[in-house]
């Protein structure tokens, strides 16, 4: 057994069906009485319904949460927090809304309750990514870890299939990188494989039978497990690339993770073969990268960055930014090999582990 360090994250989790009705109790248990409900514009109706359920415990809603957590939107939300004298936030939605709640907590230290409606997993992490002036920065601090997560499977039954797929693949990415993290440990590695297996089992059924309650339950459980992995150990090349692409080109978060994941794993797999071997076996493939690529294609997920709005000239810029600041990764960061990786991801090719072959193809 290798030496390791494990630090447990101090958050409370409620998981089940119909748990939305328990949010009011959780507000009271935090000794709060003036909750501000957060959401994105498309989820305004759900936010207002939750505000009504909270009754006198709620001082209103802020429904302008936006992808990549722009600082300008956070500042608007803070004005509402101050005007309404809110003493906690309740974030209803996916990663965008959770990010806004975290950004408010960072600046005010207000307690947070998160009610996830996607498989983003960020609710289980002490990580905040914010965008300002076209650049995305990420920090890790317990100040942004939500105090309570309320998982209500019923809220995911209407999650559109396409979003279910990309959100689920995004969650899988959290667990995959945890497997070869420098601070990986046995507990998180077990949880990572548990989360990946649950999502890989559930997502095909979600696609064919979107309201299957067992599949939706498995998917949400898997997302939580993968989120804990993201919050417990450091991430590597995959998350760095996705933050660069999202922050620089305003690409959709979950879709970008879905496209990049097999390519980033192919890049790292030769240097992390032992850590990734269980993943390949779980996915029934000869390599982890092939298994992830096959899963994404079987689910009808996007496979090309060009289809997400990335400009062709962005490949060079993204490769430059990806190696600009050193960070832990199983394989050394090689600019031209990463450029080739991005070129494959841009065009929607299958991932390749042979860096020389990919590089030659990219410049052919």
Protein backbone atom coordinates (compact mmCIF):
# COMPACT_ATOMS: atom_id res chain seq x y z
CA UNK A 1 0.00 0.00 0.00
CA UNK A 2 1.35 3.43 -0.96
CA UNK A 3 1.42 6.28 1.54
CA UNK A 4 -1.45 8.72 1.21
CA UNK A 5 -3.29 11.60 2.82
CA UNK A 6 -7.10 11.84 2.96
CA UNK A 7 -9.07 14.85 4.17
CA UNK A 8 -12.85 14.54 4.59
CA UNK A 9 -15.01 17.43 3.41
CA UNK A 10 -17.44 18.84 6.03
CA UNK A 11 -20.77 19.00 4.23
CA UNK A 12 -24.18 17.43 4.81
CA UNK A 13 -25.90 15.44 2.06
CA UNK A 14 -29.60 14.56 1.78
CA UNK A 15 -30.36 12.15 -1.08
CA UNK A 16 -33.66 10.72 -2.22
CA UNK A 17 -37.01 11.43 -3.85
CA UNK A 18 -39.13 14.39 -2.73
CA UNK A 19 -36.34 15.85 -0.63
CA UNK A 20 -37.11 19.37 -1.92
CA UNK A 21 -39.62 19.54 0.91
CA UNK A 22 -36.75 19.29 3.40
CA UNK A 23 -35.00 22.50 2.26
CA UNK A 24 -36.95 24.66 4.71
CA UNK A 25 -35.86 22.45 7.59
CA UNK A 26 -32.25 22.77 6.49
CA UNK A 27 -32.51 26.56 6.40
CA UNK A 28 -33.72 26.50 10.00
CA UNK A 29 -30.99 24.05 11.04
CA UNK A 30 -28.43 26.54 9.75
CA UNK A 31 -30.08 29.07 12.08
CA UNK A 32 -31.07 31.18 9.06
CA UNK A 33 -34.36 32.94 8.37
CA UNK A 34 -33.69 35.09 5.25
CA UNK A 35 -32.77 32.81 2.35
CA UNK A 36 -32.12 34.13 -1.16
CA UNK A 37 -32.94 31.56 -3.87
CA UNK A 38 -30.59 31.51 -6.86
CA UNK A 39 -31.12 30.12 -10.37
CA UNK A 40 -30.44 30.70 -14.06
CA UNK A 41 -33.06 32.53 -16.17
CA UNK A 42 -34.52 29.29 -17.65
CA UNK A 43 -35.15 27.97 -14.13
CA UNK A 44 -36.94 31.05 -12.84
CA UNK A 45 -40.23 29.20 -12.43
CA UNK A 46 -38.55 26.46 -10.36
CA UNK A 47 -36.81 29.10 -8.24
CA UNK A 48 -40.08 30.88 -7.58
CA UNK A 49 -41.73 27.57 -6.65
CA UNK A 50 -38.95 26.87 -4.15
CA UNK A 51 -39.27 30.40 -2.76
CA UNK A 52 -42.98 29.77 -2.23
CA UNK A 53 -42.21 26.50 -0.44
CA UNK A 54 -39.84 28.37 1.88
CA UNK A 55 -42.49 31.01 2.59
CA UNK A 56 -41.38 33.48 5.25
CA UNK A 57 -37.94 31.93 5.30
CA UNK A 58 -37.25 33.40 1.83
CA UNK A 59 -36.52 37.05 1.02
CA UNK A 60 -36.66 36.65 -2.77
CA UNK A 61 -34.93 35.21 -5.81
CA UNK A 62 -31.99 36.12 -8.04
CA UNK A 63 -32.35 34.33 -11.38
CA UNK A 64 -29.44 35.64 -13.45
CA UNK A 65 -26.79 32.99 -12.74
CA UNK A 66 -24.62 32.52 -15.82
CA UNK A 67 -22.16 29.98 -17.19
CA UNK A 68 -18.54 30.32 -16.00
CA UNK A 69 -19.60 32.55 -13.05
CA UNK A 70 -18.81 36.03 -14.44
CA UNK A 71 -17.68 38.45 -11.73
CA UNK A 72 -20.08 41.09 -13.08
CA UNK A 73 -23.08 38.83 -12.40
CA UNK A 74 -21.80 38.05 -8.91
CA UNK A 75 -21.61 41.77 -8.15
CA UNK A 76 -25.25 42.18 -9.18
CA UNK A 77 -26.24 39.30 -6.95
CA UNK A 78 -24.33 40.81 -4.03
CA UNK A 79 -26.39 43.99 -4.38
CA UNK A 80 -29.55 41.90 -3.93
CA UNK A 81 -28.00 40.05 -0.98
CA UNK A 82 -27.33 43.37 0.75
CA UNK A 83 -30.68 44.94 -0.16
CA UNK A 84 -32.67 41.92 1.10
CA UNK A 85 -30.35 41.32 4.06
CA UNK A 86 -30.10 37.65 3.14
CA UNK A 87 -28.47 35.39 5.71
CA UNK A 88 -27.99 32.36 3.41
CA UNK A 89 -28.37 31.30 -0.22
CA UNK A 90 -30.24 28.36 -1.73
CA UNK A 91 -28.85 27.56 -5.20
CA UNK A 92 -31.26 25.59 -7.39
CA UNK A 93 -29.77 24.34 -10.66
CA UNK A 94 -26.54 23.15 -12.19
CA UNK A 95 -22.96 24.30 -12.13
CA UNK A 96 -23.73 27.90 -13.12
CA UNK A 97 -26.05 28.47 -10.17
CA UNK A 98 -23.84 26.56 -7.76
CA UNK A 99 -20.91 28.70 -8.89
CA UNK A 100 -22.81 31.88 -8.14
CA UNK A 101 -23.66 30.65 -4.65
CA UNK A 102 -20.00 29.86 -4.06
CA UNK A 103 -18.89 33.27 -5.35
CA UNK A 104 -21.31 34.96 -2.92
CA UNK A 105 -20.07 32.78 -0.06
CA UNK A 106 -16.46 33.66 -0.86
CA UNK A 107 -17.22 37.35 -0.48
CA UNK A 108 -19.73 37.24 2.38
CA UNK A 109 -19.18 33.92 4.20
CA UNK A 110 -22.94 33.27 4.01
CA UNK A 111 -23.92 29.60 4.41
CA UNK A 112 -25.12 27.77 1.32
CA UNK A 113 -27.68 25.12 0.53
CA UNK A 114 -27.45 23.64 -2.97
CA UNK A 115 -30.26 21.78 -4.75
CA UNK A 116 -28.70 20.26 -7.88
CA UNK A 117 -30.84 19.67 -10.96
CA UNK A 118 -28.02 18.38 -13.20
CA UNK A 119 -25.06 16.05 -12.76
CA UNK A 120 -22.47 18.85 -12.52
CA UNK A 121 -21.00 17.69 -9.20
CA UNK A 122 -19.54 21.08 -8.33
CA UNK A 123 -21.86 21.29 -5.33
CA UNK A 124 -19.65 18.70 -3.60
CA UNK A 125 -16.41 20.65 -4.03
CA UNK A 126 -14.55 23.49 -2.31
CA UNK A 127 -13.58 24.78 -5.78
CA UNK A 128 -14.72 28.00 -7.45
CA UNK A 129 -14.01 29.03 -11.03
CA UNK A 130 -14.77 32.64 -11.98
CA UNK A 131 -14.51 34.53 -15.26
CA UNK A 132 -13.43 38.14 -15.62
CA UNK A 133 -12.34 39.95 -18.76
CA UNK A 134 -12.18 36.75 -20.79
CA UNK A 135 -10.01 34.76 -18.36
CA UNK A 136 -11.14 32.03 -16.01
CA UNK A 137 -9.38 31.59 -12.68
CA UNK A 138 -9.92 28.78 -10.20
CA UNK A 139 -9.32 28.58 -6.49
CA UNK A 140 -9.79 25.95 -3.80
CA UNK A 141 -11.02 27.05 -0.36
CA UNK A 142 -13.40 25.65 2.24
CA UNK A 143 -15.10 29.05 2.27
CA UNK A 144 -16.99 28.05 -0.89
CA UNK A 145 -17.92 24.49 0.13
CA UNK A 146 -21.73 24.33 0.54
CA UNK A 147 -22.90 23.44 4.02
CA UNK A 148 -25.82 21.34 2.75
CA UNK A 149 -26.60 19.52 -0.50
CA UNK A 150 -30.17 18.39 -1.10
CA UNK A 151 -30.38 15.84 -3.91
CA UNK A 152 -33.95 15.32 -5.12
CA UNK A 153 -34.04 12.75 -7.92
CA UNK A 154 -37.51 14.01 -8.92
CA UNK A 155 -35.94 17.28 -10.09
CA UNK A 156 -33.83 15.42 -12.67
CA UNK A 157 -36.66 13.51 -14.32
CA UNK A 158 -37.31 16.39 -16.71
CA UNK A 159 -33.63 17.09 -17.40
CA UNK A 160 -33.31 17.06 -21.23
CA UNK A 161 -31.53 14.02 -22.58
CA UNK A 162 -28.75 15.97 -24.28
CA UNK A 163 -27.97 17.89 -21.10
CA UNK A 164 -28.18 14.68 -19.06
CA UNK A 165 -25.52 13.13 -21.28
CA UNK A 166 -23.05 16.03 -21.28
CA UNK A 167 -23.63 16.75 -17.61
CA UNK A 168 -23.02 13.08 -16.83
CA UNK A 169 -19.85 12.96 -18.92
CA UNK A 170 -18.67 16.09 -17.13
CA UNK A 171 -19.18 14.28 -13.82
CA UNK A 172 -17.24 11.27 -15.08
CA UNK A 173 -14.35 13.61 -15.93
CA UNK A 174 -14.09 14.61 -12.27
CA UNK A 175 -13.62 11.00 -11.21
CA UNK A 176 -11.31 10.03 -14.06
CA UNK A 177 -8.75 12.68 -13.17
CA UNK A 178 -8.96 11.74 -9.51
CA UNK A 179 -7.60 8.30 -10.42
CA UNK A 180 -4.19 9.66 -11.42
CA UNK A 181 -4.02 12.72 -9.21
CA UNK A 182 -0.73 13.19 -7.31
CA UNK A 183 -2.74 13.16 -4.08
CA UNK A 184 -4.94 10.20 -5.00
CA UNK A 185 -5.84 7.89 -2.14
CA UNK A 186 -7.57 4.49 -1.85
CA UNK A 187 -10.92 5.84 -0.64
CA UNK A 188 -11.25 8.42 -3.41
CA UNK A 189 -10.11 5.93 -6.06
CA UNK A 190 -12.83 3.51 -4.92
CA UNK A 191 -15.40 6.31 -4.93
CA UNK A 192 -14.24 7.41 -8.39
CA UNK A 193 -14.81 3.96 -9.86
CA UNK A 194 -18.15 3.70 -8.06
CA UNK A 195 -19.29 7.00 -9.53
CA UNK A 196 -18.06 6.21 -13.05
CA UNK A 197 -19.71 2.78 -13.00
CA UNK A 198 -23.02 4.23 -11.81
CA UNK A 199 -23.06 6.87 -14.56
CA UNK A 200 -21.87 4.51 -17.30
CA UNK A 201 -24.67 2.13 -16.29
CA UNK A 202 -27.35 4.81 -15.96
CA UNK A 203 -26.79 7.16 -18.90
CA UNK A 204 -27.71 4.73 -21.73
CA UNK A 205 -31.02 4.06 -19.96
CA UNK A 206 -31.57 7.79 -19.39
CA UNK A 207 -31.19 8.28 -23.15
CA UNK A 208 -33.64 5.52 -24.06
CA UNK A 209 -36.03 6.01 -21.10
CA UNK A 210 -35.59 9.56 -19.75
CA UNK A 211 -38.07 9.15 -16.87
CA UNK A 212 -36.71 5.84 -15.59
CA UNK A 213 -36.49 6.56 -11.86
CA UNK A 214 -33.84 3.96 -11.10
CA UNK A 215 -31.56 5.21 -13.87
CA UNK A 216 -32.04 8.82 -12.80
CA UNK A 217 -31.28 7.87 -9.20
CA UNK A 218 -28.11 6.02 -10.23
CA UNK A 219 -27.00 8.97 -12.37
CA UNK A 220 -27.49 11.51 -9.59
CA UNK A 221 -25.74 9.25 -7.09
CA UNK A 222 -22.85 8.82 -9.52
CA UNK A 223 -22.63 12.55 -10.03
CA UNK A 224 -22.35 13.10 -6.27
CA UNK A 225 -19.63 10.46 -5.96
CA UNK A 226 -17.67 11.99 -8.83
CA UNK A 227 -18.11 15.47 -7.36
CA UNK A 228 -16.63 14.34 -4.06
CA UNK A 229 -13.60 13.11 -6.01
CA UNK A 230 -13.19 16.49 -7.68
CA UNK A 231 -13.37 18.21 -4.32
CA UNK A 232 -10.99 15.86 -2.53
CA UNK A 233 -7.94 15.65 -4.79
CA UNK A 234 -6.22 17.82 -7.39
CA UNK A 235 -7.09 17.80 -11.07
CA UNK A 236 -4.77 17.77 -14.08
CA UNK A 237 -4.60 18.40 -17.85
CA UNK A 238 -8.24 17.73 -18.66
CA UNK A 239 -9.65 20.32 -16.27
CA UNK A 240 -6.94 22.82 -17.18
CA UNK A 241 -7.82 22.54 -20.86
CA UNK A 242 -11.55 22.87 -20.20
CA UNK A 243 -11.05 25.97 -18.06
CA UNK A 244 -8.90 27.51 -20.79
CA UNK A 245 -11.43 26.69 -23.51
CA UNK A 246 -14.44 27.78 -21.48
CA UNK A 247 -12.94 31.00 -20.17
CA UNK A 248 -11.25 32.06 -23.41
CA UNK A 249 -13.88 31.11 -25.99
CA UNK A 250 -17.02 31.02 -23.80
CA UNK A 251 -17.68 27.41 -24.77
CA UNK A 252 -20.44 25.52 -22.92
CA UNK A 253 -19.01 23.89 -19.81
CA UNK A 254 -20.39 20.35 -19.81
CA UNK A 255 -20.15 19.93 -23.58
CA UNK A 256 -16.52 21.02 -23.56
CA UNK A 257 -15.68 18.50 -20.84
CA UNK A 258 -17.44 15.80 -22.85
CA UNK A 259 -15.44 16.49 -26.01
CA UNK A 260 -12.03 16.92 -24.37
CA UNK A 261 -12.12 14.04 -21.86
CA UNK A 262 -11.17 11.08 -24.13
CA UNK A 263 -8.34 13.10 -25.69
CA UNK A 264 -6.89 14.25 -22.37
CA UNK A 265 -7.05 10.68 -21.06
CA UNK A 266 -5.33 9.40 -24.22
CA UNK A 267 -2.56 11.96 -23.64
CA UNK A 268 -2.04 10.81 -20.05
CA UNK A 269 -2.78 7.08 -20.34
CA UNK A 270 0.76 5.97 -21.27
CA UNK A 271 2.01 7.64 -18.08
CA UNK A 272 -0.90 6.51 -15.88
CA UNK A 273 -1.67 3.06 -17.25
CA UNK A 274 -1.97 1.34 -13.88
CA UNK A 275 -4.34 3.95 -12.47
CA UNK A 276 -6.55 3.90 -15.57
CA UNK A 277 -6.65 0.12 -16.11
CA UNK A 278 -9.74 -0.38 -13.89
CA UNK A 279 -11.54 2.32 -15.87
CA UNK A 280 -10.85 0.55 -19.17
CA UNK A 281 -12.16 -2.70 -17.68
CA UNK A 282 -15.31 -1.03 -16.32
CA UNK A 283 -16.03 0.47 -19.74
CA UNK A 284 -15.29 -2.80 -21.54
CA UNK A 285 -12.53 -1.35 -23.72
CA UNK A 286 -8.86 -1.99 -24.39
CA UNK A 287 -7.95 1.51 -23.19
CA UNK A 288 -9.65 4.05 -20.96
CA UNK A 289 -9.57 6.65 -23.73
CA UNK A 290 -11.32 4.30 -26.18
CA UNK A 291 -13.90 3.39 -23.56
CA UNK A 292 -14.75 7.03 -22.88
CA UNK A 293 -14.87 7.86 -26.59
CA UNK A 294 -17.14 4.89 -27.30
CA UNK A 295 -19.44 5.82 -24.41
CA UNK A 296 -19.78 9.42 -25.59
CA UNK A 297 -20.53 8.37 -29.17
CA UNK A 298 -23.00 5.72 -28.04
CA UNK A 299 -24.84 8.38 -26.04
CA UNK A 300 -24.97 10.77 -28.99
CA UNK A 301 -22.79 13.31 -27.19
CA UNK A 302 -20.87 16.05 -29.03
CA UNK A 303 -17.37 15.01 -30.09
CA UNK A 304 -15.94 18.11 -31.82
CA UNK A 305 -14.98 21.48 -30.38
CA UNK A 306 -15.78 23.12 -33.71
CA UNK A 307 -19.42 22.21 -33.17
CA UNK A 308 -19.39 24.05 -29.82
CA UNK A 309 -18.32 27.37 -31.36
CA UNK A 310 -14.55 27.23 -30.99
CA UNK A 311 -12.74 29.09 -33.81
CA UNK A 312 -10.01 27.20 -35.71
CA UNK A 313 -7.41 29.81 -34.80
CA UNK A 314 -8.17 29.15 -31.14
CA UNK A 315 -6.18 25.90 -31.17
CA UNK A 316 -2.83 27.70 -31.02
CA UNK A 317 -4.02 30.08 -28.32
CA UNK A 318 -5.43 27.27 -26.19
CA UNK A 319 -2.24 25.22 -26.46
CA UNK A 320 -0.20 28.25 -25.41
CA UNK A 321 -2.38 28.93 -22.37
CA UNK A 322 -2.47 25.25 -21.37
CA UNK A 323 1.27 25.18 -20.77
CA UNK A 324 1.68 28.75 -19.53
CA UNK A 325 1.39 27.88 -15.83
CA UNK A 326 2.90 24.61 -14.56
CA UNK A 327 0.56 22.18 -12.76
CA UNK A 328 0.75 18.51 -11.76
CA UNK A 329 0.05 16.03 -14.55
CA UNK A 330 1.07 12.37 -15.04
CA UNK A 331 2.77 13.16 -18.35
CA UNK A 332 4.97 16.24 -18.91
CA UNK A 333 3.17 19.08 -20.65
CA UNK A 334 4.41 19.26 -24.24
CA UNK A 335 3.04 22.19 -26.20
CA UNK A 336 3.06 20.56 -29.63
CA UNK A 337 1.54 17.32 -28.34
CA UNK A 338 -1.19 19.31 -26.58
CA UNK A 339 -1.75 21.29 -29.76
CA UNK A 340 -2.22 17.97 -31.59
CA UNK A 341 -4.63 16.81 -28.89
CA UNK A 342 -6.67 19.99 -29.34
CA UNK A 343 -6.60 19.62 -33.10
CA UNK A 344 -8.06 16.12 -32.80
CA UNK A 345 -10.70 17.37 -30.36
CA UNK A 346 -11.52 20.31 -32.60
CA UNK A 347 -12.21 18.06 -35.60
CA UNK A 348 -13.92 15.28 -33.67
CA UNK A 349 -11.36 12.58 -34.42
CA UNK A 350 -10.97 9.56 -32.20
CA UNK A 351 -8.35 10.03 -29.47
CA UNK A 352 -4.89 8.60 -29.99
CA UNK A 353 -2.24 7.77 -27.43
CA UNK A 354 0.72 7.88 -29.78
CA UNK A 355 1.80 11.52 -29.50
CA UNK A 356 4.03 11.28 -32.59
CA UNK A 357 1.22 9.91 -34.75
CA UNK A 358 -1.21 12.57 -33.56
CA UNK A 359 1.35 15.30 -34.09
CA UNK A 360 2.17 14.16 -37.60
CA UNK A 361 -1.56 13.99 -38.42
CA UNK A 362 -2.21 17.47 -37.11
CA UNK A 363 0.46 18.98 -39.34
CA UNK A 364 -0.24 16.79 -42.38
